């Protein structure tokens, strides 16, 4: 876990510097505290899924780029867990595949992602309300939803059991420094 937190911090610092942003400027863009960002960059804090999405969005990067494009990387926020299953780069897009699990009754609000980012969700267990804020749809097992995630959007478990799903996020390609790191680790 510490190795992945350290690797995330390194990749975050590189991406921030490549964009010419100070710690304070990126913290302001992401809506998080400057001290918290400094701790994440130094591998001293395990960031939540919400924090990582806020930082990735502010940097206009796919979340997987901060996770070192390593399948097995696991991030959580209260009531939600995302496990990176696969990342593919094509000439025009980065495609990330996650196993997304919501605890029974959990609600998760995600910050806007970069321009042109599209999410596709396939429910494999439970019932959920998902999508862009104010435009959510209810889906059940075997059903899908798709939305452009350049605005706040969310996921809500509607049943008394956990919701399990496969989430595919397609982001326009952007270059980021790569690096190696551990897999199947949790942040």
N, C-alpha and C. Protein backbone atom coordinates (compact mmCIF):
# COMPACT_ATOMS: atom_id res chain seq x y z
N UNK A 1 0.83 -1.18 0.00
CA UNK A 1 0.00 0.00 0.00
C UNK A 1 0.88 1.25 0.00
N UNK A 2 1.92 1.27 0.81
CA UNK A 2 2.79 2.43 0.87
C UNK A 2 3.49 2.66 -0.46
N UNK A 3 3.90 1.57 -1.14
CA UNK A 3 4.57 1.72 -2.44
C UNK A 3 3.65 2.36 -3.46
N UNK A 4 2.38 1.95 -3.48
CA UNK A 4 1.45 2.53 -4.44
C UNK A 4 1.17 3.99 -4.09
N UNK A 5 1.00 4.30 -2.80
CA UNK A 5 0.79 5.69 -2.39
C UNK A 5 1.99 6.55 -2.81
N UNK A 6 3.20 6.03 -2.64
CA UNK A 6 4.40 6.76 -3.05
C UNK A 6 4.43 6.96 -4.55
N UNK A 7 4.09 5.92 -5.31
CA UNK A 7 4.08 6.01 -6.76
C UNK A 7 3.03 7.00 -7.25
N UNK A 8 1.83 6.97 -6.64
CA UNK A 8 0.79 7.94 -7.00
C UNK A 8 1.30 9.35 -6.74
N UNK A 9 1.94 9.55 -5.60
CA UNK A 9 2.49 10.86 -5.27
C UNK A 9 3.51 11.34 -6.28
N UNK A 10 4.39 10.44 -6.69
CA UNK A 10 5.40 10.80 -7.69
C UNK A 10 4.76 11.18 -9.02
N UNK A 11 3.81 10.38 -9.47
CA UNK A 11 3.16 10.66 -10.76
C UNK A 11 2.36 11.96 -10.69
N UNK A 12 1.75 12.21 -9.55
CA UNK A 12 1.00 13.45 -9.36
C UNK A 12 1.94 14.65 -9.44
N UNK A 13 3.07 14.57 -8.75
CA UNK A 13 4.04 15.66 -8.76
C UNK A 13 4.56 15.93 -10.17
N UNK A 14 4.88 14.87 -10.91
CA UNK A 14 5.38 15.02 -12.28
C UNK A 14 4.32 15.70 -13.15
N UNK A 15 3.09 15.24 -13.07
CA UNK A 15 2.01 15.82 -13.89
C UNK A 15 1.78 17.29 -13.52
N UNK A 16 1.82 17.60 -12.24
CA UNK A 16 1.63 18.98 -11.79
C UNK A 16 2.73 19.88 -12.34
N UNK A 17 3.96 19.42 -12.22
CA UNK A 17 5.10 20.22 -12.70
C UNK A 17 5.09 20.37 -14.21
N UNK A 18 4.72 19.30 -14.93
CA UNK A 18 4.64 19.39 -16.40
C UNK A 18 3.67 20.47 -16.84
N UNK A 19 2.68 20.73 -16.01
CA UNK A 19 1.67 21.75 -16.34
C UNK A 19 2.02 23.12 -15.75
N UNK A 20 3.16 23.20 -15.09
CA UNK A 20 3.62 24.46 -14.53
C UNK A 20 2.78 24.96 -13.36
N UNK A 21 2.19 24.04 -12.60
CA UNK A 21 1.33 24.41 -11.48
C UNK A 21 2.08 24.27 -10.16
N UNK A 22 1.83 25.21 -9.27
CA UNK A 22 2.34 25.09 -7.90
C UNK A 22 1.42 24.15 -7.14
N UNK A 23 1.87 23.72 -5.96
CA UNK A 23 1.03 22.88 -5.11
C UNK A 23 -0.26 23.63 -4.77
N UNK A 24 -0.14 24.91 -4.44
CA UNK A 24 -1.31 25.71 -4.09
C UNK A 24 -2.28 25.86 -5.25
N UNK A 25 -1.74 26.06 -6.45
CA UNK A 25 -2.61 26.23 -7.63
C UNK A 25 -3.38 24.95 -7.93
N UNK A 26 -2.70 23.80 -7.88
CA UNK A 26 -3.39 22.53 -8.14
C UNK A 26 -4.40 22.24 -7.04
N UNK A 27 -4.04 22.51 -5.80
CA UNK A 27 -4.99 22.30 -4.69
C UNK A 27 -6.25 23.14 -4.91
N UNK A 28 -6.08 24.39 -5.32
CA UNK A 28 -7.24 25.24 -5.60
C UNK A 28 -8.08 24.70 -6.73
N UNK A 29 -7.44 24.27 -7.82
CA UNK A 29 -8.18 23.71 -8.97
C UNK A 29 -8.96 22.46 -8.59
N UNK A 30 -8.36 21.63 -7.73
CA UNK A 30 -8.99 20.36 -7.35
C UNK A 30 -9.95 20.52 -6.17
N UNK A 31 -9.91 21.66 -5.51
CA UNK A 31 -10.80 21.87 -4.37
C UNK A 31 -10.39 21.08 -3.13
N UNK A 32 -9.08 20.88 -2.96
CA UNK A 32 -8.59 20.18 -1.78
C UNK A 32 -7.58 21.07 -1.06
N UNK A 33 -7.23 20.73 0.15
CA UNK A 33 -6.27 21.52 0.91
C UNK A 33 -4.86 21.36 0.38
N UNK A 34 -4.11 22.45 0.47
CA UNK A 34 -2.71 22.45 0.03
C UNK A 34 -1.88 21.44 0.85
N UNK A 35 -2.12 21.38 2.15
CA UNK A 35 -1.41 20.43 3.01
C UNK A 35 -1.73 18.99 2.63
N UNK A 36 -3.00 18.73 2.32
CA UNK A 36 -3.40 17.37 1.91
C UNK A 36 -2.71 16.98 0.61
N UNK A 37 -2.68 17.91 -0.36
CA UNK A 37 -2.00 17.63 -1.62
C UNK A 37 -0.53 17.35 -1.40
N UNK A 38 0.11 18.14 -0.56
CA UNK A 38 1.53 17.93 -0.26
C UNK A 38 1.75 16.54 0.34
N UNK A 39 0.87 16.13 1.26
CA UNK A 39 1.00 14.80 1.86
C UNK A 39 0.81 13.70 0.82
N UNK A 40 -0.14 13.87 -0.11
CA UNK A 40 -0.35 12.88 -1.17
C UNK A 40 0.90 12.81 -2.06
N UNK A 41 1.41 13.98 -2.46
CA UNK A 41 2.59 14.00 -3.33
C UNK A 41 3.80 13.35 -2.67
N UNK A 42 3.89 13.44 -1.35
CA UNK A 42 5.03 12.86 -0.64
C UNK A 42 4.79 11.43 -0.18
N UNK A 43 3.66 10.83 -0.63
CA UNK A 43 3.36 9.45 -0.28
C UNK A 43 3.03 9.24 1.18
N UNK A 44 2.67 10.32 1.88
CA UNK A 44 2.37 10.24 3.31
C UNK A 44 0.88 10.07 3.58
N UNK A 45 0.08 10.15 2.56
CA UNK A 45 -1.37 10.04 2.73
C UNK A 45 -1.92 9.15 1.63
N UNK A 46 -2.83 8.25 1.99
CA UNK A 46 -3.53 7.42 1.02
C UNK A 46 -4.75 8.19 0.55
N UNK A 47 -4.74 8.71 -0.67
CA UNK A 47 -5.87 9.51 -1.13
C UNK A 47 -7.10 8.66 -1.39
N UNK A 48 -8.27 9.25 -1.16
CA UNK A 48 -9.52 8.56 -1.46
C UNK A 48 -9.78 8.62 -2.96
N UNK A 49 -10.74 7.85 -3.40
CA UNK A 49 -11.17 7.87 -4.79
C UNK A 49 -11.62 9.28 -5.18
N UNK A 50 -12.37 9.93 -4.30
CA UNK A 50 -12.85 11.28 -4.60
C UNK A 50 -11.69 12.26 -4.77
N UNK A 51 -10.69 12.18 -3.91
CA UNK A 51 -9.53 13.07 -4.01
C UNK A 51 -8.77 12.81 -5.30
N UNK A 52 -8.55 11.54 -5.63
CA UNK A 52 -7.82 11.23 -6.86
C UNK A 52 -8.58 11.70 -8.10
N UNK A 53 -9.90 11.53 -8.10
CA UNK A 53 -10.69 12.02 -9.24
C UNK A 53 -10.61 13.54 -9.35
N UNK A 54 -10.65 14.22 -8.21
CA UNK A 54 -10.55 15.69 -8.24
C UNK A 54 -9.20 16.12 -8.81
N UNK A 55 -8.14 15.45 -8.40
CA UNK A 55 -6.80 15.80 -8.89
C UNK A 55 -6.64 15.43 -10.36
N UNK A 56 -7.10 14.25 -10.74
CA UNK A 56 -7.00 13.84 -12.15
C UNK A 56 -7.81 14.79 -13.03
N UNK A 57 -9.00 15.18 -12.57
CA UNK A 57 -9.82 16.11 -13.33
C UNK A 57 -9.16 17.46 -13.49
N UNK A 58 -8.57 17.97 -12.41
CA UNK A 58 -7.89 19.27 -12.47
C UNK A 58 -6.70 19.23 -13.42
N UNK A 59 -6.06 18.07 -13.52
CA UNK A 59 -4.91 17.91 -14.42
C UNK A 59 -5.32 17.45 -15.81
N UNK A 60 -6.63 17.20 -16.00
CA UNK A 60 -7.18 16.68 -17.26
C UNK A 60 -6.48 15.39 -17.68
N UNK A 61 -6.39 14.47 -16.72
CA UNK A 61 -5.78 13.16 -16.93
C UNK A 61 -6.76 12.06 -16.57
N UNK A 62 -6.65 10.91 -17.20
CA UNK A 62 -7.43 9.76 -16.73
C UNK A 62 -6.94 9.36 -15.33
N UNK A 63 -7.84 8.89 -14.50
CA UNK A 63 -7.47 8.43 -13.16
C UNK A 63 -6.36 7.38 -13.23
N UNK A 64 -6.43 6.50 -14.20
CA UNK A 64 -5.44 5.41 -14.29
C UNK A 64 -4.02 5.93 -14.45
N UNK A 65 -3.85 7.12 -15.02
CA UNK A 65 -2.49 7.65 -15.17
C UNK A 65 -1.87 7.94 -13.81
N UNK A 66 -2.68 8.35 -12.84
CA UNK A 66 -2.15 8.55 -11.49
C UNK A 66 -1.92 7.23 -10.78
N UNK A 67 -2.63 6.19 -11.21
CA UNK A 67 -2.46 4.85 -10.63
C UNK A 67 -1.37 4.07 -11.36
N UNK A 68 -0.58 4.76 -12.17
CA UNK A 68 0.53 4.16 -12.91
C UNK A 68 0.04 3.13 -13.92
N UNK A 69 -1.21 3.27 -14.38
CA UNK A 69 -1.76 2.35 -15.38
C UNK A 69 -1.58 0.89 -14.96
N UNK A 70 -1.67 0.62 -13.66
CA UNK A 70 -1.43 -0.72 -13.12
C UNK A 70 -2.71 -1.44 -12.76
N UNK A 71 -3.13 -2.42 -13.56
CA UNK A 71 -4.27 -3.24 -13.14
C UNK A 71 -4.02 -3.81 -11.76
N UNK A 72 -5.06 -3.85 -10.96
CA UNK A 72 -4.96 -4.31 -9.58
C UNK A 72 -4.92 -3.16 -8.59
N UNK A 73 -4.68 -1.94 -9.06
CA UNK A 73 -4.70 -0.79 -8.15
C UNK A 73 -6.13 -0.60 -7.67
N UNK A 74 -6.27 -0.40 -6.36
CA UNK A 74 -7.59 -0.29 -5.73
C UNK A 74 -7.66 1.03 -4.99
N UNK A 75 -8.74 1.78 -5.25
CA UNK A 75 -8.97 3.03 -4.53
C UNK A 75 -10.38 3.01 -3.96
N UNK A 76 -10.52 3.70 -2.83
CA UNK A 76 -11.82 3.69 -2.15
C UNK A 76 -12.20 5.08 -1.68
N UNK A 77 -13.45 5.25 -1.43
CA UNK A 77 -14.04 6.37 -0.71
C UNK A 77 -15.13 5.74 0.13
N UNK A 78 -15.66 6.44 1.12
CA UNK A 78 -16.71 5.81 1.93
C UNK A 78 -17.84 5.25 1.06
N UNK A 79 -18.08 3.94 1.18
CA UNK A 79 -19.18 3.28 0.49
C UNK A 79 -18.91 2.88 -0.94
N UNK A 80 -17.72 3.16 -1.47
CA UNK A 80 -17.43 2.83 -2.87
C UNK A 80 -15.98 2.35 -3.01
N UNK A 81 -15.81 1.39 -3.90
CA UNK A 81 -14.48 0.86 -4.19
C UNK A 81 -14.33 0.70 -5.70
N UNK A 82 -13.18 1.13 -6.23
CA UNK A 82 -12.88 0.95 -7.65
C UNK A 82 -11.59 0.16 -7.77
N UNK A 83 -11.63 -0.89 -8.56
CA UNK A 83 -10.46 -1.72 -8.82
C UNK A 83 -10.14 -1.60 -10.31
N UNK A 84 -8.95 -1.11 -10.63
CA UNK A 84 -8.55 -0.96 -12.03
C UNK A 84 -8.30 -2.34 -12.62
N UNK A 85 -9.04 -2.68 -13.67
CA UNK A 85 -8.91 -3.98 -14.33
C UNK A 85 -8.01 -3.92 -15.56
N UNK A 86 -8.11 -2.81 -16.32
CA UNK A 86 -7.36 -2.73 -17.57
C UNK A 86 -7.28 -1.28 -18.03
N UNK A 87 -6.23 -0.97 -18.75
CA UNK A 87 -6.06 0.35 -19.38
C UNK A 87 -5.50 0.11 -20.76
N UNK A 88 -6.10 0.76 -21.74
CA UNK A 88 -5.62 0.66 -23.13
C UNK A 88 -5.52 2.05 -23.72
N UNK A 89 -4.47 2.28 -24.47
CA UNK A 89 -4.28 3.53 -25.20
C UNK A 89 -4.48 3.26 -26.68
N UNK A 90 -5.30 4.08 -27.29
CA UNK A 90 -5.38 4.07 -28.74
C UNK A 90 -4.83 5.42 -29.17
N UNK A 91 -4.74 5.67 -30.43
CA UNK A 91 -4.24 6.96 -30.88
C UNK A 91 -5.06 8.13 -30.40
N UNK A 92 -6.32 7.90 -30.12
CA UNK A 92 -7.21 9.00 -29.80
C UNK A 92 -7.78 9.00 -28.39
N UNK A 93 -7.63 7.89 -27.67
CA UNK A 93 -8.27 7.83 -26.36
C UNK A 93 -7.56 6.87 -25.42
N UNK A 94 -7.78 7.10 -24.13
CA UNK A 94 -7.41 6.16 -23.09
C UNK A 94 -8.70 5.51 -22.64
N UNK A 95 -8.71 4.18 -22.58
CA UNK A 95 -9.89 3.45 -22.13
C UNK A 95 -9.50 2.71 -20.85
N UNK A 96 -10.21 3.06 -19.77
CA UNK A 96 -9.98 2.45 -18.46
C UNK A 96 -11.16 1.55 -18.13
N UNK A 97 -10.88 0.38 -17.55
CA UNK A 97 -11.94 -0.53 -17.14
C UNK A 97 -11.78 -0.78 -15.64
N UNK A 98 -12.85 -0.53 -14.90
CA UNK A 98 -12.85 -0.71 -13.45
C UNK A 98 -13.96 -1.65 -13.02
N UNK A 99 -13.74 -2.34 -11.91
CA UNK A 99 -14.82 -3.02 -11.19
C UNK A 99 -15.22 -2.02 -10.12
N UNK A 100 -16.46 -1.55 -10.17
CA UNK A 100 -16.95 -0.54 -9.24
C UNK A 100 -17.99 -1.19 -8.33
N UNK A 101 -17.79 -1.08 -7.03
CA UNK A 101 -18.70 -1.67 -6.05
C UNK A 101 -19.17 -0.57 -5.10
N UNK A 102 -20.49 -0.50 -4.93
CA UNK A 102 -21.10 0.43 -3.97
C UNK A 102 -21.70 -0.39 -2.84
N UNK A 103 -21.46 0.02 -1.62
CA UNK A 103 -22.11 -0.64 -0.49
C UNK A 103 -23.61 -0.43 -0.57
N UNK A 104 -24.38 -1.31 0.04
CA UNK A 104 -25.84 -1.16 0.07
C UNK A 104 -26.20 0.22 0.60
N UNK A 105 -27.05 0.92 -0.13
CA UNK A 105 -27.49 2.25 0.26
C UNK A 105 -26.50 3.38 0.05
N UNK A 106 -25.32 3.08 -0.47
CA UNK A 106 -24.28 4.11 -0.65
C UNK A 106 -24.62 5.06 -1.79
N UNK A 107 -24.17 6.29 -1.64
CA UNK A 107 -24.28 7.32 -2.67
C UNK A 107 -22.89 7.90 -2.87
N UNK A 108 -22.48 8.05 -4.10
CA UNK A 108 -21.17 8.64 -4.40
C UNK A 108 -21.34 9.71 -5.47
N UNK A 109 -20.89 10.91 -5.19
CA UNK A 109 -20.92 12.01 -6.15
C UNK A 109 -19.50 12.18 -6.67
N UNK A 110 -19.35 12.17 -7.98
CA UNK A 110 -18.05 12.32 -8.62
C UNK A 110 -17.94 13.72 -9.23
N UNK A 111 -16.78 14.29 -9.12
CA UNK A 111 -16.52 15.62 -9.69
C UNK A 111 -16.47 15.50 -11.21
N UNK A 112 -16.65 16.62 -11.91
CA UNK A 112 -16.54 16.58 -13.38
C UNK A 112 -15.16 16.10 -13.81
N UNK A 113 -15.13 15.31 -14.85
CA UNK A 113 -13.87 14.88 -15.45
C UNK A 113 -13.58 15.84 -16.60
N UNK A 114 -12.51 15.60 -17.32
CA UNK A 114 -12.12 16.50 -18.40
C UNK A 114 -13.08 16.50 -19.57
N UNK A 115 -12.88 17.45 -20.49
CA UNK A 115 -13.74 17.53 -21.68
C UNK A 115 -13.67 16.25 -22.50
N UNK A 116 -14.82 15.81 -22.98
CA UNK A 116 -14.87 14.65 -23.87
C UNK A 116 -14.82 13.30 -23.18
N UNK A 117 -14.80 13.27 -21.85
CA UNK A 117 -14.75 12.00 -21.11
C UNK A 117 -16.14 11.39 -21.08
N UNK A 118 -16.24 10.11 -21.44
CA UNK A 118 -17.52 9.40 -21.46
C UNK A 118 -17.42 8.17 -20.56
N UNK A 119 -18.46 7.95 -19.75
CA UNK A 119 -18.52 6.77 -18.89
C UNK A 119 -19.61 5.83 -19.37
N UNK A 120 -19.30 4.53 -19.30
CA UNK A 120 -20.25 3.46 -19.65
C UNK A 120 -20.29 2.53 -18.44
N UNK A 121 -21.48 2.25 -17.93
CA UNK A 121 -21.61 1.42 -16.74
C UNK A 121 -22.54 0.25 -17.03
N UNK A 122 -22.08 -0.97 -16.71
CA UNK A 122 -22.87 -2.19 -16.83
C UNK A 122 -23.06 -2.73 -15.43
N UNK A 123 -24.31 -2.86 -14.99
CA UNK A 123 -24.60 -3.39 -13.67
C UNK A 123 -24.60 -4.91 -13.69
N UNK A 124 -23.89 -5.52 -12.74
CA UNK A 124 -23.84 -6.98 -12.64
C UNK A 124 -24.50 -7.50 -11.38
N UNK A 125 -24.84 -6.59 -10.45
CA UNK A 125 -25.54 -6.98 -9.22
C UNK A 125 -26.22 -5.75 -8.64
N UNK A 126 -27.45 -5.93 -8.16
CA UNK A 126 -28.16 -4.85 -7.47
C UNK A 126 -28.93 -3.94 -8.41
N UNK A 127 -29.28 -2.80 -7.88
CA UNK A 127 -30.03 -1.78 -8.62
C UNK A 127 -29.41 -0.44 -8.26
N UNK A 128 -29.25 0.45 -9.25
CA UNK A 128 -28.57 1.72 -9.02
C UNK A 128 -29.20 2.86 -9.80
N UNK A 129 -28.95 4.06 -9.32
CA UNK A 129 -29.31 5.29 -10.02
C UNK A 129 -27.99 5.97 -10.34
N UNK A 130 -27.74 6.21 -11.64
CA UNK A 130 -26.42 6.69 -12.07
C UNK A 130 -26.56 7.76 -13.15
N UNK A 131 -25.51 8.53 -13.32
CA UNK A 131 -25.45 9.48 -14.42
C UNK A 131 -25.17 10.90 -13.98
N UNK A 132 -25.33 11.80 -14.95
CA UNK A 132 -25.09 13.23 -14.73
C UNK A 132 -26.08 13.78 -13.71
N UNK A 133 -25.62 14.70 -12.89
CA UNK A 133 -26.49 15.30 -11.87
C UNK A 133 -27.74 15.87 -12.54
N UNK A 134 -28.89 15.46 -12.03
CA UNK A 134 -30.16 15.92 -12.57
C UNK A 134 -30.66 15.12 -13.76
N UNK A 135 -29.83 14.23 -14.27
CA UNK A 135 -30.21 13.40 -15.44
C UNK A 135 -30.00 11.92 -15.16
N UNK A 136 -29.95 11.53 -13.88
CA UNK A 136 -29.67 10.14 -13.51
C UNK A 136 -30.75 9.20 -14.05
N UNK A 137 -30.35 7.95 -14.27
CA UNK A 137 -31.28 6.90 -14.69
C UNK A 137 -31.14 5.73 -13.73
N UNK A 138 -32.22 4.98 -13.61
CA UNK A 138 -32.21 3.79 -12.77
C UNK A 138 -31.96 2.57 -13.64
N UNK A 139 -31.00 1.73 -13.22
CA UNK A 139 -30.69 0.52 -13.98
C UNK A 139 -30.57 -0.67 -13.03
N UNK A 140 -30.78 -1.87 -13.60
CA UNK A 140 -30.66 -3.11 -12.86
C UNK A 140 -29.67 -4.04 -13.52
N UNK A 141 -29.60 -5.24 -13.02
CA UNK A 141 -28.66 -6.25 -13.51
C UNK A 141 -28.79 -6.43 -15.02
N UNK A 142 -27.67 -6.37 -15.72
CA UNK A 142 -27.64 -6.56 -17.16
C UNK A 142 -27.94 -5.30 -17.96
N UNK A 143 -28.29 -4.22 -17.27
CA UNK A 143 -28.60 -2.96 -17.97
C UNK A 143 -27.38 -2.03 -17.93
N UNK A 144 -27.37 -1.10 -18.88
CA UNK A 144 -26.25 -0.18 -19.00
C UNK A 144 -26.72 1.27 -18.98
N UNK A 145 -25.79 2.14 -18.68
CA UNK A 145 -26.01 3.58 -18.78
C UNK A 145 -24.73 4.20 -19.33
N UNK A 146 -24.89 5.29 -20.04
CA UNK A 146 -23.75 5.99 -20.63
C UNK A 146 -23.99 7.48 -20.48
N UNK A 147 -22.93 8.25 -20.18
CA UNK A 147 -23.07 9.69 -20.07
C UNK A 147 -21.71 10.36 -20.28
N UNK A 148 -21.77 11.60 -20.70
CA UNK A 148 -20.58 12.44 -20.78
C UNK A 148 -20.35 12.96 -19.37
N UNK A 149 -19.15 12.73 -18.83
CA UNK A 149 -18.92 13.04 -17.42
C UNK A 149 -18.11 14.32 -17.21
N UNK A 150 -18.42 15.33 -18.01
CA UNK A 150 -17.75 16.63 -17.86
C UNK A 150 -18.47 17.54 -16.87
N UNK A 151 -19.45 16.99 -16.17
CA UNK A 151 -20.16 17.68 -15.10
C UNK A 151 -20.24 16.71 -13.91
N UNK A 152 -20.67 17.23 -12.75
CA UNK A 152 -20.84 16.36 -11.59
C UNK A 152 -21.79 15.22 -11.96
N UNK A 153 -21.49 14.05 -11.48
CA UNK A 153 -22.31 12.87 -11.76
C UNK A 153 -22.20 11.93 -10.57
N UNK A 154 -23.08 10.95 -10.54
CA UNK A 154 -23.06 10.11 -9.35
C UNK A 154 -23.56 8.71 -9.56
N UNK A 155 -23.41 7.95 -8.47
CA UNK A 155 -23.79 6.55 -8.41
C UNK A 155 -24.48 6.35 -7.07
N UNK A 156 -25.65 5.73 -7.07
CA UNK A 156 -26.37 5.46 -5.83
C UNK A 156 -26.89 4.03 -5.85
N UNK A 157 -26.58 3.28 -4.79
CA UNK A 157 -27.09 1.92 -4.64
C UNK A 157 -28.52 2.01 -4.12
N UNK A 158 -29.45 1.39 -4.84
CA UNK A 158 -30.87 1.49 -4.48
C UNK A 158 -31.39 0.25 -3.75
N UNK A 159 -30.60 -0.79 -3.71
CA UNK A 159 -31.08 -2.04 -3.11
C UNK A 159 -30.42 -2.26 -1.75
N UNK A 160 -30.89 -3.31 -1.05
CA UNK A 160 -30.35 -3.66 0.26
C UNK A 160 -29.11 -4.53 0.15
N UNK A 161 -28.58 -4.65 -1.05
CA UNK A 161 -27.37 -5.41 -1.27
C UNK A 161 -26.36 -4.52 -1.99
N UNK A 162 -25.09 -4.88 -1.94
CA UNK A 162 -24.11 -4.08 -2.67
C UNK A 162 -24.41 -4.07 -4.17
N UNK A 163 -24.01 -3.00 -4.80
CA UNK A 163 -24.13 -2.89 -6.25
C UNK A 163 -22.75 -3.18 -6.83
N UNK A 164 -22.71 -4.07 -7.80
CA UNK A 164 -21.46 -4.39 -8.49
C UNK A 164 -21.63 -4.03 -9.95
N UNK A 165 -20.57 -3.49 -10.53
CA UNK A 165 -20.67 -3.05 -11.91
C UNK A 165 -19.30 -3.03 -12.57
N UNK A 166 -19.34 -2.92 -13.89
CA UNK A 166 -18.14 -2.70 -14.68
C UNK A 166 -18.26 -1.30 -15.24
N UNK A 167 -17.26 -0.48 -14.96
CA UNK A 167 -17.25 0.90 -15.41
C UNK A 167 -16.14 1.08 -16.43
N UNK A 168 -16.50 1.57 -17.61
CA UNK A 168 -15.53 1.86 -18.66
C UNK A 168 -15.52 3.37 -18.86
N UNK A 169 -14.34 3.95 -18.75
CA UNK A 169 -14.18 5.40 -18.92
C UNK A 169 -13.28 5.63 -20.13
N UNK A 170 -13.81 6.40 -21.08
CA UNK A 170 -13.07 6.72 -22.30
C UNK A 170 -12.71 8.21 -22.27
N UNK A 171 -11.40 8.49 -22.24
CA UNK A 171 -10.90 9.87 -22.15
C UNK A 171 -10.06 10.19 -23.37
N UNK A 172 -10.20 11.40 -23.92
CA UNK A 172 -9.30 11.80 -25.01
C UNK A 172 -7.85 11.66 -24.55
N UNK A 173 -6.98 11.18 -25.41
CA UNK A 173 -5.58 10.94 -25.04
C UNK A 173 -4.87 12.22 -24.68
N UNK A 174 -4.07 12.10 -23.63
CA UNK A 174 -3.17 13.16 -23.19
C UNK A 174 -1.91 12.47 -22.72
N UNK A 175 -0.77 13.05 -23.01
CA UNK A 175 0.51 12.46 -22.61
C UNK A 175 0.75 12.67 -21.12
N UNK A 176 1.29 11.65 -20.48
CA UNK A 176 1.73 11.76 -19.08
C UNK A 176 2.95 10.87 -18.93
N UNK A 177 3.84 11.26 -18.09
CA UNK A 177 5.04 10.45 -17.85
C UNK A 177 4.62 9.12 -17.28
N UNK A 178 5.30 8.08 -17.69
CA UNK A 178 4.94 6.76 -17.19
C UNK A 178 5.99 6.28 -16.22
N UNK A 179 5.60 5.28 -15.49
CA UNK A 179 6.52 4.70 -14.53
C UNK A 179 5.98 3.37 -14.08
N UNK A 180 6.82 2.60 -13.48
CA UNK A 180 6.41 1.29 -13.01
C UNK A 180 5.98 1.37 -11.57
N UNK A 181 5.44 0.27 -11.09
CA UNK A 181 5.03 0.25 -9.69
C UNK A 181 4.30 -1.03 -9.38
N UNK A 182 3.97 -1.19 -8.13
CA UNK A 182 3.32 -2.42 -7.71
C UNK A 182 1.91 -2.51 -8.22
N UNK A 183 1.43 -3.73 -8.32
CA UNK A 183 0.03 -3.93 -8.70
C UNK A 183 -0.68 -4.62 -7.55
N UNK A 184 -1.99 -4.73 -7.67
CA UNK A 184 -2.83 -5.36 -6.66
C UNK A 184 -2.56 -4.80 -5.27
N UNK A 185 -2.39 -3.50 -5.23
CA UNK A 185 -2.18 -2.79 -3.98
C UNK A 185 -3.38 -1.90 -3.75
N UNK A 186 -3.59 -1.52 -2.53
CA UNK A 186 -4.72 -0.67 -2.19
C UNK A 186 -4.23 0.69 -1.75
N UNK A 187 -4.95 1.73 -2.14
CA UNK A 187 -4.65 3.08 -1.64
C UNK A 187 -5.71 3.40 -0.62
